[in-house]
N, C-alpha and C. Protein backbone atom coordinates (compact mmCIF):
# COMPACT_ATOMS: atom_id res chain seq x y z
N MET A 1 4.93 4.71 1.90
CA MET A 1 3.78 5.06 1.09
C MET A 1 3.78 4.17 -0.15
N ALA A 2 2.64 3.60 -0.41
CA ALA A 2 2.51 2.68 -1.54
C ALA A 2 2.43 3.44 -2.86
N ASP A 3 2.80 2.75 -3.90
CA ASP A 3 2.79 3.35 -5.23
C ASP A 3 1.97 2.46 -6.17
N ASP A 4 0.95 3.04 -6.79
CA ASP A 4 0.06 2.28 -7.66
C ASP A 4 0.83 1.69 -8.85
N LEU A 5 1.73 2.45 -9.42
CA LEU A 5 2.48 1.99 -10.58
C LEU A 5 3.40 0.83 -10.21
N THR A 6 4.05 0.91 -9.07
CA THR A 6 4.90 -0.19 -8.61
C THR A 6 4.07 -1.44 -8.37
N GLY A 7 2.89 -1.24 -7.80
CA GLY A 7 1.99 -2.37 -7.58
C GLY A 7 1.58 -3.03 -8.88
N LYS A 8 1.29 -2.22 -9.89
CA LYS A 8 0.93 -2.77 -11.20
C LYS A 8 2.09 -3.56 -11.79
N ALA A 9 3.30 -3.01 -11.67
CA ALA A 9 4.48 -3.69 -12.21
C ALA A 9 4.71 -5.02 -11.50
N THR A 10 4.55 -5.03 -10.18
CA THR A 10 4.72 -6.26 -9.42
C THR A 10 3.68 -7.29 -9.83
N HIS A 11 2.45 -6.84 -10.03
CA HIS A 11 1.36 -7.72 -10.43
C HIS A 11 1.64 -8.33 -11.81
N VAL A 12 2.02 -7.48 -12.76
CA VAL A 12 2.31 -7.97 -14.12
C VAL A 12 3.50 -8.92 -14.10
N GLY A 13 4.53 -8.57 -13.35
CA GLY A 13 5.69 -9.45 -13.23
C GLY A 13 5.30 -10.81 -12.67
N GLY A 14 4.38 -10.80 -11.71
CA GLY A 14 3.90 -12.06 -11.14
C GLY A 14 3.15 -12.89 -12.15
N LYS A 15 2.35 -12.24 -12.99
CA LYS A 15 1.63 -12.97 -14.03
C LYS A 15 2.61 -13.62 -15.01
N ILE A 16 3.64 -12.88 -15.36
CA ILE A 16 4.66 -13.42 -16.27
C ILE A 16 5.37 -14.60 -15.61
N LYS A 17 5.75 -14.41 -14.35
CA LYS A 17 6.46 -15.49 -13.63
C LYS A 17 5.57 -16.73 -13.51
N GLU A 18 4.29 -16.52 -13.21
CA GLU A 18 3.38 -17.66 -13.12
C GLU A 18 3.27 -18.37 -14.46
N GLY A 19 3.16 -17.61 -15.55
CA GLY A 19 3.06 -18.20 -16.88
C GLY A 19 4.30 -18.99 -17.25
N ILE A 20 5.47 -18.45 -16.95
CA ILE A 20 6.71 -19.16 -17.24
C ILE A 20 6.79 -20.45 -16.42
N GLY A 21 6.40 -20.34 -15.16
CA GLY A 21 6.39 -21.53 -14.32
C GLY A 21 5.45 -22.60 -14.85
N GLU A 22 4.30 -22.15 -15.36
CA GLU A 22 3.33 -23.09 -15.93
C GLU A 22 3.91 -23.77 -17.17
N ILE A 23 4.54 -22.99 -18.03
CA ILE A 23 5.14 -23.54 -19.26
C ILE A 23 6.25 -24.55 -18.92
N LEU A 24 7.07 -24.19 -17.93
CA LEU A 24 8.20 -25.05 -17.56
C LEU A 24 7.81 -26.19 -16.62
N GLY A 25 6.57 -26.16 -16.13
CA GLY A 25 6.15 -27.17 -15.17
C GLY A 25 6.78 -26.97 -13.80
N ASP A 26 7.17 -25.75 -13.50
CA ASP A 26 7.83 -25.41 -12.22
C ASP A 26 6.78 -24.84 -11.27
N ARG A 27 6.27 -25.71 -10.39
CA ARG A 27 5.21 -25.30 -9.47
C ARG A 27 5.67 -24.20 -8.51
N GLN A 28 6.91 -24.24 -8.09
CA GLN A 28 7.44 -23.22 -7.19
C GLN A 28 7.41 -21.84 -7.86
N LEU A 29 7.81 -21.78 -9.11
CA LEU A 29 7.79 -20.52 -9.85
C LEU A 29 6.35 -20.02 -10.05
N GLU A 30 5.44 -20.94 -10.32
CA GLU A 30 4.03 -20.57 -10.44
C GLU A 30 3.52 -19.96 -9.13
N ARG A 31 3.85 -20.62 -8.03
CA ARG A 31 3.43 -20.16 -6.71
C ARG A 31 3.99 -18.77 -6.41
N GLU A 32 5.27 -18.58 -6.71
CA GLU A 32 5.89 -17.28 -6.51
C GLU A 32 5.20 -16.21 -7.35
N GLY A 33 4.84 -16.56 -8.58
CA GLY A 33 4.14 -15.63 -9.45
C GLY A 33 2.80 -15.22 -8.88
N ARG A 34 2.06 -16.20 -8.36
CA ARG A 34 0.76 -15.88 -7.75
C ARG A 34 0.93 -15.00 -6.51
N LEU A 35 1.96 -15.28 -5.73
CA LEU A 35 2.22 -14.45 -4.55
C LEU A 35 2.62 -13.03 -4.95
N ASP A 36 3.42 -12.90 -5.99
CA ASP A 36 3.78 -11.57 -6.49
C ASP A 36 2.54 -10.81 -6.95
N GLN A 37 1.63 -11.52 -7.59
CA GLN A 37 0.39 -10.87 -8.03
C GLN A 37 -0.42 -10.36 -6.84
N MET A 38 -0.51 -11.16 -5.80
CA MET A 38 -1.24 -10.73 -4.61
C MET A 38 -0.57 -9.53 -3.95
N GLU A 39 0.76 -9.56 -3.91
CA GLU A 39 1.51 -8.44 -3.35
C GLU A 39 1.27 -7.17 -4.17
N GLY A 40 1.28 -7.30 -5.48
CA GLY A 40 1.05 -6.16 -6.35
C GLY A 40 -0.34 -5.58 -6.17
N ARG A 41 -1.34 -6.46 -6.09
CA ARG A 41 -2.71 -5.98 -5.88
C ARG A 41 -2.84 -5.29 -4.53
N ALA A 42 -2.19 -5.84 -3.51
CA ALA A 42 -2.24 -5.23 -2.19
C ALA A 42 -1.60 -3.84 -2.20
N GLU A 43 -0.49 -3.70 -2.91
CA GLU A 43 0.16 -2.40 -2.99
C GLU A 43 -0.72 -1.40 -3.74
N GLN A 44 -1.37 -1.85 -4.78
CA GLN A 44 -2.29 -0.98 -5.51
C GLN A 44 -3.45 -0.55 -4.61
N ASP A 45 -4.00 -1.51 -3.88
CA ASP A 45 -5.11 -1.19 -2.96
C ASP A 45 -4.67 -0.17 -1.91
N GLN A 46 -3.48 -0.36 -1.37
CA GLN A 46 -2.97 0.56 -0.36
C GLN A 46 -2.78 1.96 -0.95
N ALA A 47 -2.23 2.04 -2.15
CA ALA A 47 -2.00 3.34 -2.79
C ALA A 47 -3.33 4.05 -3.04
N ARG A 48 -4.31 3.30 -3.48
CA ARG A 48 -5.63 3.90 -3.73
C ARG A 48 -6.28 4.35 -2.42
N ALA A 49 -6.13 3.57 -1.37
CA ALA A 49 -6.69 3.95 -0.08
C ALA A 49 -6.01 5.22 0.45
N GLU A 50 -4.70 5.29 0.30
CA GLU A 50 -3.98 6.48 0.75
C GLU A 50 -4.45 7.71 -0.03
N GLN A 51 -4.69 7.55 -1.32
CA GLN A 51 -5.18 8.66 -2.14
C GLN A 51 -6.57 9.08 -1.69
N GLU A 52 -7.42 8.11 -1.37
CA GLU A 52 -8.77 8.42 -0.89
C GLU A 52 -8.72 9.19 0.42
N VAL A 53 -7.81 8.82 1.31
CA VAL A 53 -7.66 9.52 2.59
C VAL A 53 -7.25 10.97 2.35
N LEU A 54 -6.29 11.18 1.45
CA LEU A 54 -5.87 12.54 1.14
C LEU A 54 -7.01 13.37 0.56
N GLU A 55 -7.76 12.78 -0.35
CA GLU A 55 -8.87 13.49 -0.96
C GLU A 55 -9.96 13.80 0.05
N ALA A 56 -10.22 12.87 0.96
CA ALA A 56 -11.23 13.09 2.00
C ALA A 56 -10.79 14.23 2.92
N ALA A 57 -9.52 14.28 3.26
CA ALA A 57 -9.01 15.35 4.11
C ALA A 57 -9.14 16.70 3.40
N GLN A 58 -8.90 16.73 2.10
CA GLN A 58 -9.05 17.97 1.33
C GLN A 58 -10.50 18.42 1.29
N ARG A 59 -11.42 17.46 1.10
CA ARG A 59 -12.84 17.81 1.08
C ARG A 59 -13.28 18.34 2.44
N LYS A 60 -12.79 17.73 3.50
CA LYS A 60 -13.13 18.17 4.85
C LYS A 60 -12.62 19.59 5.08
N ALA A 61 -11.39 19.86 4.70
CA ALA A 61 -10.81 21.18 4.88
C ALA A 61 -11.59 22.22 4.07
N ALA A 62 -11.99 21.86 2.86
CA ALA A 62 -12.76 22.78 2.02
C ALA A 62 -14.12 23.08 2.64
N ALA A 63 -14.75 22.06 3.19
CA ALA A 63 -16.06 22.23 3.82
C ALA A 63 -15.93 23.13 5.06
N GLN A 64 -14.89 22.92 5.84
CA GLN A 64 -14.68 23.75 7.03
C GLN A 64 -14.38 25.20 6.65
N ALA A 65 -13.62 25.37 5.59
CA ALA A 65 -13.31 26.72 5.12
C ALA A 65 -14.57 27.41 4.62
N ALA A 66 -15.45 26.66 3.95
CA ALA A 66 -16.69 27.25 3.44
C ALA A 66 -17.61 27.66 4.59
N LYS A 67 -17.57 26.92 5.68
CA LYS A 67 -18.39 27.29 6.84
C LYS A 67 -17.97 28.62 7.44
N ARG A 68 -16.69 28.91 7.40
CA ARG A 68 -16.15 30.12 8.00
C ARG A 68 -16.46 31.37 7.19
N VAL A 69 -16.82 31.19 5.94
CA VAL A 69 -17.06 32.34 5.06
C VAL A 69 -18.38 32.98 5.33
């Protein structure tokens, strides 16, 4: 299960790594930073999607329960 906070941390860490690589002229470090940022965004997207699925299931259950009343 993805974690939004972990995704944010990975993304921010990637931005820092990319910036350091840019300052040092280290293209490999810059590339790694950009990849970390993409990984972080993907984890955030996954966490948000999982939350949406849970909320949709709750709404569905509530609607079905309301029908039975």
